[in-house]
Amino acid sequence: MRKRSIIKRKIGYTATSIIIAGVTSMTTLHITAQGADATTNMATNTASNEQVPIPKLVRTIDLSHIGSVVAVRKLSFSPDSRYLAIVVDPELGKTDIVVWDMEKGKPQSHIHCPYQYGVLADHDLLWSRDGKVISFGAKRQWDPMTGEALPDNPAIGRAARLNKDGTKMLTIVGALGQPSYIHVYDTKTWELQKIYLDGFAAVAANWTADDKIFVNTSLTHELYSQVIDGYQPNDYHDSAYRLIDPTGIEMPKTLWIPAVSTGDPKAPYKYSPDVGGVSAVIFHTNKLLLGNGILLDGKTLAMDKSSQDFFKRAFDGTSDSRVNKDGMKIYRRGNVPLVRSREPTPNRVIALPPSNTIVEFGGLIDTGAGFDLSHDDKRLAIGNSTIVQIYQVQ
């Protein structure tokens, strides 16, 4: 049996209390390196034992001067990797965007948003492909160089996502739990295409490498009496992933994950352990990595469980992920679990199979906040409360 390499740094935790959105008190753990690397090997079938470089802290951006309550919500690098847009809550119910010039080491612009954005996971800050516009998807948009508001775009919906080359944007339209539409916009002309999800309710949607749309769905009552792709759901614990071709050339595909029997008459079914949301889209290989550690083919929805044990270990805990250009490394943000009895999860660099290497490194961790990898694969940004750390990763 070959070995999988797990490279860990000895880490110490310093806890401080902060108030987020004036509602709950959270514990923020700062991880700092305290000595030499220790290597632990675990048996697995792998082709190599290659180690990956540990990210190096090169800059800290202090945002404590912005307001009385500052919480970093999102981080987003510009397409040319020169600028970092930092979404913060300067006070309760407010959202600002600080566009930071990475070359000059100072703010380029400061935007005061009219509404609160960035609190929810589906509020991504998007850059236009030419770097001249930033927005949260629908309606409001700004010039990142001057901070001036631009005319609204005509998009509606939530959970906006850009495709790989930024030419198309999708949004989810419809009340939560109700049958949904996917709206697809041309980001140059704003021409709209509406795609009905055949009665499914969209939880989240992602682009695949070949511009198909992968939708994580929940079931509506009208679907319980229908047979869809050879399967008739009969319990809300049944789950379905949908793969949609916006061109209409290929018919929609459905991957059903049936509910699992519990043997308990009061609660006879539960979700299958194979159910999980998308943790990472690997554009280089057109794969979707689910939070349960399963890889799905972005063209066929074929399920690959061959590395599931490795991915479950690498992706334990809910957090953000970013994949580098060649699709061989995933950067995973650490977090503080909501269950106090669990240990915090460190930041990680994950070298995908066949390497199967996990490198854990120090840095800010939290239950959320910002996390992004620059498009040139050279910098990793990690946010937490009033601080953003910049790491060199090459």
Protein backbone atom coordinates (compact mmCIF):
# COMPACT_ATOMS: atom_id res chain seq x y z
CA MET A 1 0.00 0.00 0.00
CA ARG A 2 1.30 3.44 -0.86
CA LYS A 3 0.95 6.28 1.60
CA ARG A 4 -1.00 9.50 1.72
CA SER A 5 0.93 12.38 3.22
CA ILE A 6 -0.73 14.63 5.78
CA ILE A 7 1.58 17.57 6.55
CA LYS A 8 0.64 19.51 9.65
CA ARG A 9 2.10 22.45 11.48
CA LYS A 10 1.97 22.59 15.23
CA ILE A 11 -0.58 25.26 15.88
CA GLY A 12 -1.62 27.35 18.84
CA TYR A 13 -5.02 28.95 19.25
CA THR A 14 -5.65 32.40 20.69
CA ALA A 15 -9.35 33.03 21.25
CA THR A 16 -10.93 36.49 21.16
CA SER A 17 -14.61 37.42 21.33
CA ILE A 18 -16.21 39.52 18.61
CA ILE A 19 -19.76 40.64 17.85
CA ILE A 20 -21.07 39.92 14.34
CA ALA A 21 -24.12 41.90 13.19
CA GLY A 22 -24.91 42.69 16.84
CA VAL A 23 -26.68 39.35 17.30
CA THR A 24 -24.39 36.63 18.56
CA SER A 25 -21.00 36.44 20.20
CA MET A 26 -18.57 34.30 18.24
CA THR A 27 -15.13 32.95 18.99
CA THR A 28 -12.37 33.78 16.53
CA LEU A 29 -9.30 31.57 16.55
CA HIS A 30 -6.00 32.87 15.25
CA ILE A 31 -3.67 30.02 14.23
CA THR A 32 0.06 30.69 14.31
CA ALA A 33 2.95 28.39 13.45
CA GLN A 34 4.88 27.20 16.51
CA GLY A 35 7.59 24.98 15.21
CA ALA A 36 8.77 22.49 12.65
CA ASP A 37 6.43 20.58 10.41
CA ALA A 38 5.31 17.16 11.55
CA THR A 39 4.38 14.52 9.00
CA THR A 40 1.84 11.77 9.60
CA ASN A 41 1.25 9.05 7.03
CA MET A 42 -1.97 7.11 6.55
CA ALA A 43 -2.33 4.08 4.31
CA THR A 44 -4.17 4.58 1.03
CA ASN A 45 -3.86 3.69 -2.65
CA THR A 46 -2.05 6.68 -4.13
CA ALA A 47 0.42 7.15 -6.97
CA SER A 48 2.76 9.52 -5.18
CA ASN A 49 3.66 11.16 -1.89
CA GLU A 50 4.31 14.61 -3.31
CA GLN A 51 4.27 17.51 -0.87
CA VAL A 52 2.97 20.97 -1.77
CA PRO A 53 4.42 24.34 -0.66
CA ILE A 54 2.97 25.87 2.50
CA PRO A 55 1.43 29.30 1.79
CA LYS A 56 3.52 32.19 3.16
CA LEU A 57 1.97 35.24 4.85
CA VAL A 58 3.20 38.37 3.02
CA ARG A 59 0.73 41.14 3.97
CA THR A 60 -1.97 42.03 6.47
CA ILE A 61 -4.68 44.58 5.64
CA ASP A 62 -6.18 46.26 8.73
CA LEU A 63 -9.75 47.55 8.26
CA SER A 64 -10.47 48.48 11.88
CA HIS A 65 -10.68 52.20 11.00
CA ILE A 66 -13.78 51.77 8.81
CA GLY A 67 -16.51 51.58 11.46
CA SER A 68 -17.54 50.63 14.96
CA VAL A 69 -18.51 47.10 13.89
CA VAL A 70 -16.48 45.59 11.05
CA ALA A 71 -17.05 42.10 9.71
CA VAL A 72 -15.32 40.92 6.54
CA ARG A 73 -17.98 39.07 4.52
CA LYS A 74 -16.52 38.40 1.08
CA LEU A 75 -13.23 38.70 -0.81
CA SER A 76 -12.98 38.78 -4.61
CA PHE A 77 -9.88 39.28 -6.80
CA SER A 78 -10.14 41.19 -10.07
CA PRO A 79 -9.63 39.25 -13.33
CA ASP A 80 -6.08 40.63 -13.67
CA SER A 81 -5.37 39.78 -9.98
CA ARG A 82 -4.18 43.33 -9.24
CA TYR A 83 -7.17 44.38 -7.12
CA LEU A 84 -8.93 42.73 -4.20
CA ALA A 85 -12.54 43.73 -3.47
CA ILE A 86 -13.26 43.42 0.26
CA VAL A 87 -16.92 43.31 1.34
CA VAL A 88 -17.36 44.49 4.94
CA ASP A 89 -20.16 45.41 7.34
CA PRO A 90 -18.96 48.75 8.81
CA GLU A 91 -22.00 48.96 11.10
CA LEU A 92 -25.22 47.06 11.72
CA GLY A 93 -27.25 46.57 8.53
CA LYS A 94 -24.70 48.30 6.27
CA THR A 95 -22.31 47.02 3.59
CA ASP A 96 -19.19 48.67 2.16
CA ILE A 97 -16.81 47.51 -0.56
CA VAL A 98 -13.13 48.44 -0.26
CA VAL A 99 -11.22 47.88 -3.51
CA TRP A 100 -7.58 47.34 -2.54
CA ASP A 101 -4.69 47.93 -4.97
CA MET A 102 -2.33 44.98 -4.40
CA GLU A 103 0.58 46.69 -6.19
CA LYS A 104 0.41 50.03 -4.36
CA GLY A 105 -0.70 48.52 -1.05
CA LYS A 106 -3.56 50.98 -0.49
CA PRO A 107 -7.29 51.41 -1.21
CA GLN A 108 -8.25 52.22 -4.79
CA SER A 109 -11.88 53.05 -3.94
CA HIS A 110 -14.44 52.81 -1.14
CA ILE A 111 -18.09 52.06 -1.97
CA HIS A 112 -21.08 52.53 0.37
CA CYS A 113 -23.83 50.11 -0.68
CA PRO A 114 -27.50 51.13 -0.22
CA TYR A 115 -28.45 47.66 1.09
CA GLN A 116 -26.83 44.91 3.13
CA TYR A 117 -25.09 42.31 0.99
CA GLY A 118 -22.69 39.46 1.56
CA VAL A 119 -24.25 37.94 4.67
CA LEU A 120 -25.66 34.93 2.85
CA ALA A 121 -23.52 32.30 1.15
CA ASP A 122 -25.08 32.98 -2.25
CA HIS A 123 -24.14 36.70 -2.23
CA ASP A 124 -20.94 36.53 -4.29
CA LEU A 125 -19.23 39.75 -5.39
CA LEU A 126 -18.70 39.48 -9.15
CA TRP A 127 -16.21 41.26 -11.43
CA SER A 128 -17.01 41.80 -15.10
CA ARG A 129 -14.52 40.04 -17.37
CA ASP A 130 -12.88 43.39 -18.31
CA GLY A 131 -12.57 44.40 -14.65
CA LYS A 132 -14.60 47.59 -15.13
CA VAL A 133 -17.74 46.64 -13.19
CA ILE A 134 -18.41 44.95 -9.85
CA SER A 135 -21.81 43.83 -8.56
CA PHE A 136 -23.58 41.22 -6.47
CA GLY A 137 -25.34 40.06 -9.63
CA ALA A 138 -28.74 41.70 -9.99
CA LYS A 139 -29.34 45.44 -10.39
CA ARG A 140 -26.77 47.45 -8.40
CA GLN A 141 -23.28 47.78 -9.87
CA TRP A 142 -20.26 50.04 -9.42
CA ASP A 143 -17.04 51.23 -11.05
CA PRO A 144 -14.32 49.56 -8.93
CA MET A 145 -11.70 52.18 -9.86
CA THR A 146 -13.70 55.26 -8.83
CA GLY A 147 -16.34 53.75 -6.53
CA GLU A 148 -19.10 55.51 -8.47
CA ALA A 149 -22.49 53.84 -8.91
CA LEU A 150 -23.25 52.70 -12.46
CA PRO A 151 -26.71 52.33 -14.03
CA ASP A 152 -28.49 49.23 -12.79
CA ASN A 153 -28.36 46.09 -14.91
CA PRO A 154 -31.73 44.45 -15.72
CA ALA A 155 -31.03 41.14 -13.97
CA ILE A 156 -33.29 39.75 -11.25
CA GLY A 157 -32.91 36.79 -8.92
CA ARG A 158 -30.47 35.52 -6.32
CA ALA A 159 -27.29 33.45 -6.12
CA ALA A 160 -25.70 35.03 -9.22
CA ARG A 161 -22.80 33.08 -10.72
CA LEU A 162 -20.60 33.80 -13.75
CA ASN A 163 -19.50 31.09 -16.16
CA LYS A 164 -15.83 30.34 -16.70
CA ASP A 165 -15.13 33.17 -19.17
CA GLY A 166 -17.57 35.67 -17.65
CA THR A 167 -19.78 35.90 -20.74
CA LYS A 168 -22.90 34.56 -19.00
CA MET A 169 -24.48 35.04 -15.59
CA LEU A 170 -27.12 32.82 -14.00
CA THR A 171 -29.53 33.67 -11.22
CA ILE A 172 -32.21 31.68 -9.38
CA VAL A 173 -35.73 33.09 -9.57
CA GLY A 174 -38.63 31.89 -7.41
CA ALA A 175 -39.67 31.77 -3.77
CA LEU A 176 -37.72 29.44 -1.51
CA GLY A 177 -39.18 25.93 -1.64
CA GLN A 178 -41.32 26.73 -4.68
CA PRO A 179 -40.76 25.70 -8.32
CA SER A 180 -37.83 27.71 -9.68
CA TYR A 181 -36.52 29.23 -12.86
CA ILE A 182 -32.90 29.73 -13.83
CA HIS A 183 -32.32 33.04 -15.59
CA VAL A 184 -29.30 33.15 -17.90
CA TYR A 185 -28.03 36.58 -18.99
CA ASP A 186 -25.54 37.57 -21.67
CA THR A 187 -23.26 39.89 -19.67
CA LYS A 188 -22.62 42.14 -22.69
CA THR A 189 -26.14 42.60 -24.07
CA TRP A 190 -28.18 41.42 -21.03
CA GLU A 191 -30.27 39.25 -23.31
CA LEU A 192 -32.31 36.90 -21.09
CA GLN A 193 -33.04 33.19 -21.33
CA LYS A 194 -35.51 31.65 -18.85
CA ILE A 195 -35.17 27.97 -17.95
CA TYR A 196 -37.97 26.27 -15.99
CA LEU A 197 -36.79 23.50 -13.67
CA ASP A 198 -39.81 21.23 -14.26
CA GLY A 199 -41.23 21.77 -10.79
CA PHE A 200 -37.97 21.46 -8.84
CA ALA A 201 -36.94 24.13 -6.34
CA ALA A 202 -33.36 25.31 -6.80
CA VAL A 203 -31.18 25.40 -3.68
CA ALA A 204 -28.00 26.40 -5.52
CA ALA A 205 -26.74 26.45 -9.11
CA ASN A 206 -23.24 26.28 -10.59
CA TRP A 207 -21.73 26.43 -14.08
CA THR A 208 -19.78 23.46 -15.36
CA ALA A 209 -16.67 23.73 -17.55
CA ASP A 210 -18.69 23.33 -20.77
CA ASP A 211 -21.36 25.89 -19.80
CA LYS A 212 -23.97 23.44 -18.57
CA ILE A 213 -25.81 24.33 -15.36
CA PHE A 214 -25.66 22.01 -12.34
CA VAL A 215 -28.57 22.56 -9.95
CA ASN A 216 -28.81 21.24 -6.39
CA THR A 217 -32.57 20.94 -5.89
CA SER A 218 -35.19 20.32 -3.27
CA LEU A 219 -38.51 18.63 -4.00
CA THR A 220 -41.89 20.34 -4.25
CA HIS A 221 -45.15 18.51 -3.52
CA GLU A 222 -46.16 18.42 -7.16
CA LEU A 223 -43.22 16.11 -7.93
CA TYR A 224 -44.25 13.30 -5.57
CA SER A 225 -46.77 11.92 -8.06
CA GLN A 226 -44.48 12.12 -11.11
CA VAL A 227 -41.95 9.71 -12.56
CA ILE A 228 -38.85 11.66 -13.55
CA ASP A 229 -36.03 9.94 -15.41
CA GLY A 230 -37.36 6.56 -14.27
CA TYR A 231 -37.76 7.46 -10.60
CA GLN A 232 -40.81 8.48 -8.57
CA PRO A 233 -39.99 10.31 -5.34
CA ASN A 234 -42.19 9.61 -2.34
CA ASP A 235 -40.49 11.47 0.51
CA TYR A 236 -38.90 14.90 0.87
CA HIS A 237 -35.63 13.21 1.87
CA ASP A 238 -35.25 12.04 -1.73
CA SER A 239 -32.72 14.33 -3.41
CA ALA A 240 -32.07 15.19 -7.03
CA TYR A 241 -29.26 16.90 -8.92
CA ARG A 242 -30.17 18.34 -12.31
CA LEU A 243 -27.84 19.04 -15.23
CA ILE A 244 -29.29 21.57 -17.68
CA ASP A 245 -28.03 22.44 -21.16
CA PRO A 246 -29.05 26.09 -21.82
CA THR A 247 -28.69 25.55 -25.58
CA GLY A 248 -31.39 22.86 -25.47
CA ILE A 249 -29.28 20.49 -27.55
CA GLU A 250 -29.04 17.94 -24.74
CA MET A 251 -31.99 16.87 -22.61
CA PRO A 252 -31.80 17.58 -18.86
CA LYS A 253 -30.19 14.84 -16.78
CA THR A 254 -31.27 13.90 -13.27
CA LEU A 255 -29.23 12.08 -10.64
CA TRP A 256 -31.54 10.77 -7.91
CA ILE A 257 -30.22 10.06 -4.42
CA PRO A 258 -33.02 8.06 -2.74
CA ALA A 259 -33.86 8.54 0.92
CA VAL A 260 -32.55 5.96 3.37
CA SER A 261 -34.89 3.99 5.62
CA THR A 262 -34.38 4.55 9.36
CA GLY A 263 -36.62 1.77 10.72
CA ASP A 264 -38.28 4.38 12.97
CA PRO A 265 -42.07 4.66 12.30
CA LYS A 266 -42.08 8.26 13.56
CA ALA A 267 -39.31 9.32 11.16
CA PRO A 268 -39.10 6.53 8.58
CA TYR A 269 -36.60 8.21 6.20
CA LYS A 270 -33.47 10.32 6.31
CA TYR A 271 -31.16 11.82 3.69
CA SER A 272 -28.64 9.47 2.13
CA PRO A 273 -25.00 9.99 3.23
CA ASP A 274 -24.28 10.52 -0.48
CA VAL A 275 -26.16 13.86 -0.43
CA GLY A 276 -24.03 17.02 -0.30
CA GLY A 277 -23.84 20.48 -1.81
CA VAL A 278 -21.10 21.57 -4.22
CA SER A 279 -17.80 22.25 -2.43
CA ALA A 280 -15.74 22.96 -5.54
CA VAL A 281 -16.10 23.08 -9.32
CA ILE A 282 -12.94 21.76 -10.99
CA PHE A 283 -13.12 23.42 -14.41
CA HIS A 284 -9.90 21.85 -15.71
CA THR A 285 -11.41 18.36 -15.58
CA ASN A 286 -15.10 19.35 -15.60
CA LYS A 287 -15.77 17.71 -12.24
CA LEU A 288 -17.98 18.75 -9.33
CA LEU A 289 -16.82 17.89 -5.84
CA LEU A 290 -19.67 17.51 -3.37
CA GLY A 291 -19.43 18.13 0.36
CA ASN A 292 -19.87 14.43 1.01
CA GLY A 293 -16.57 13.71 -0.77
CA ILE A 294 -18.08 12.41 -4.02
CA LEU A 295 -16.89 13.53 -7.45
CA LEU A 296 -19.49 13.97 -10.20
CA ASP A 297 -18.74 14.20 -13.89
CA GLY A 298 -19.90 17.61 -15.12
CA LYS A 299 -21.05 16.18 -18.43
CA THR A 300 -22.75 12.91 -17.48
CA LEU A 301 -23.39 13.17 -13.70
CA ALA A 302 -21.55 9.86 -13.32
CA MET A 303 -20.58 9.37 -9.67
CA ASP A 304 -16.98 8.55 -8.72
CA LYS A 305 -16.50 7.35 -5.13
CA SER A 306 -12.93 6.11 -5.60
CA SER A 307 -11.40 8.94 -3.53
CA GLN A 308 -14.35 9.57 -1.24
CA ASP A 309 -12.53 8.72 2.00
CA PHE A 310 -9.71 11.11 1.11
CA PHE A 311 -12.07 13.96 0.22
CA LYS A 312 -14.15 13.47 3.36
CA ARG A 313 -11.02 13.90 5.44
CA ALA A 314 -9.83 16.86 3.40
CA PHE A 315 -13.21 18.62 3.42
CA ASP A 316 -14.46 18.00 6.96
CA GLY A 317 -16.37 21.04 8.18
CA THR A 318 -18.32 23.59 6.14
CA SER A 319 -16.13 26.21 4.53
CA ASP A 320 -15.04 27.94 1.31
CA SER A 321 -12.90 26.32 -1.39
CA ARG A 322 -10.95 27.62 -4.38
CA VAL A 323 -9.36 25.56 -7.17
CA ASN A 324 -6.23 26.61 -9.07
CA LYS A 325 -6.10 26.82 -12.87
CA ASP A 326 -4.66 23.39 -13.59
CA GLY A 327 -7.24 21.77 -11.33
CA MET A 328 -4.63 19.98 -9.23
CA LYS A 329 -4.88 21.94 -5.96
CA ILE A 330 -7.80 23.05 -3.83
CA TYR A 331 -7.37 25.74 -1.19
CA ARG A 332 -9.73 25.17 1.72
CA ARG A 333 -10.56 27.72 4.39
CA GLY A 334 -10.51 26.54 8.00
CA ASN A 335 -13.42 27.22 10.31
CA VAL A 336 -14.70 27.21 13.86
CA PRO A 337 -17.44 24.55 14.16
CA LEU A 338 -20.80 25.50 15.60
CA VAL A 339 -20.57 22.43 17.84
CA ARG A 340 -18.18 23.51 20.58
CA SER A 341 -17.01 19.98 21.30
CA ARG A 342 -15.38 19.73 17.84
CA GLU A 343 -11.90 20.98 17.14
CA PRO A 344 -11.45 23.91 14.73
CA THR A 345 -10.50 22.95 11.16
CA PRO A 346 -7.22 24.50 9.94
CA ASN A 347 -6.68 26.12 6.54
CA ARG A 348 -5.60 23.52 3.99
CA VAL A 349 -4.02 23.01 0.60
CA ILE A 350 -5.28 19.79 -0.97
CA ALA A 351 -3.34 18.18 -3.82
CA LEU A 352 -5.88 16.12 -5.72
CA PRO A 353 -5.48 12.48 -6.68
CA PRO A 354 -3.19 10.84 -7.54
CA SER A 355 -1.08 12.91 -5.11
CA ASN A 356 -3.63 12.80 -2.26
CA THR A 357 -1.68 15.24 -0.11
CA ILE A 358 -3.16 17.53 2.54
CA VAL A 359 -1.08 20.47 3.82
CA GLU A 360 -2.44 22.34 6.83
CA PHE A 361 -1.22 25.88 7.47
CA GLY A 362 -1.71 28.70 9.96
CA GLY A 363 -3.82 31.79 9.44
CA LEU A 364 -7.16 33.32 10.29
CA ILE A 365 -10.13 30.98 10.62
CA ASP A 366 -13.77 31.67 11.37
CA THR A 367 -17.26 30.36 10.72
CA GLY A 368 -17.46 32.41 7.53
CA ALA A 369 -15.89 35.65 6.26
CA GLY A 370 -13.93 36.11 3.05
CA PHE A 371 -11.69 33.74 1.12
CA ASP A 372 -10.36 33.93 -2.47
CA LEU A 373 -7.53 32.79 -4.73
CA SER A 374 -6.17 35.25 -7.30
CA HIS A 375 -6.71 34.37 -10.96
CA ASP A 376 -2.95 34.11 -11.55
CA ASP A 377 -2.74 31.50 -8.74
CA LYS A 378 -0.16 33.58 -6.84
CA ARG A 379 -2.10 34.99 -3.87
CA LEU A 380 -4.59 33.66 -1.36
CA ALA A 381 -6.70 36.11 0.67
CA ILE A 382 -8.28 35.19 4.02
CA GLY A 383 -10.53 37.57 5.95
CA ASN A 384 -11.77 37.66 9.52
CA SER A 385 -13.36 40.50 11.49
CA THR A 386 -11.22 43.61 10.77
CA ILE A 387 -8.26 41.84 9.12
CA VAL A 388 -7.44 40.40 5.71
CA GLN A 389 -4.32 38.27 5.35
CA ILE A 390 -2.59 37.85 1.98
CA TYR A 391 -0.58 34.66 1.39
CA GLN A 392 1.88 33.86 -1.35
CA VAL A 393 1.07 30.42 -2.72
CA GLN A 394 3.66 30.08 -5.51
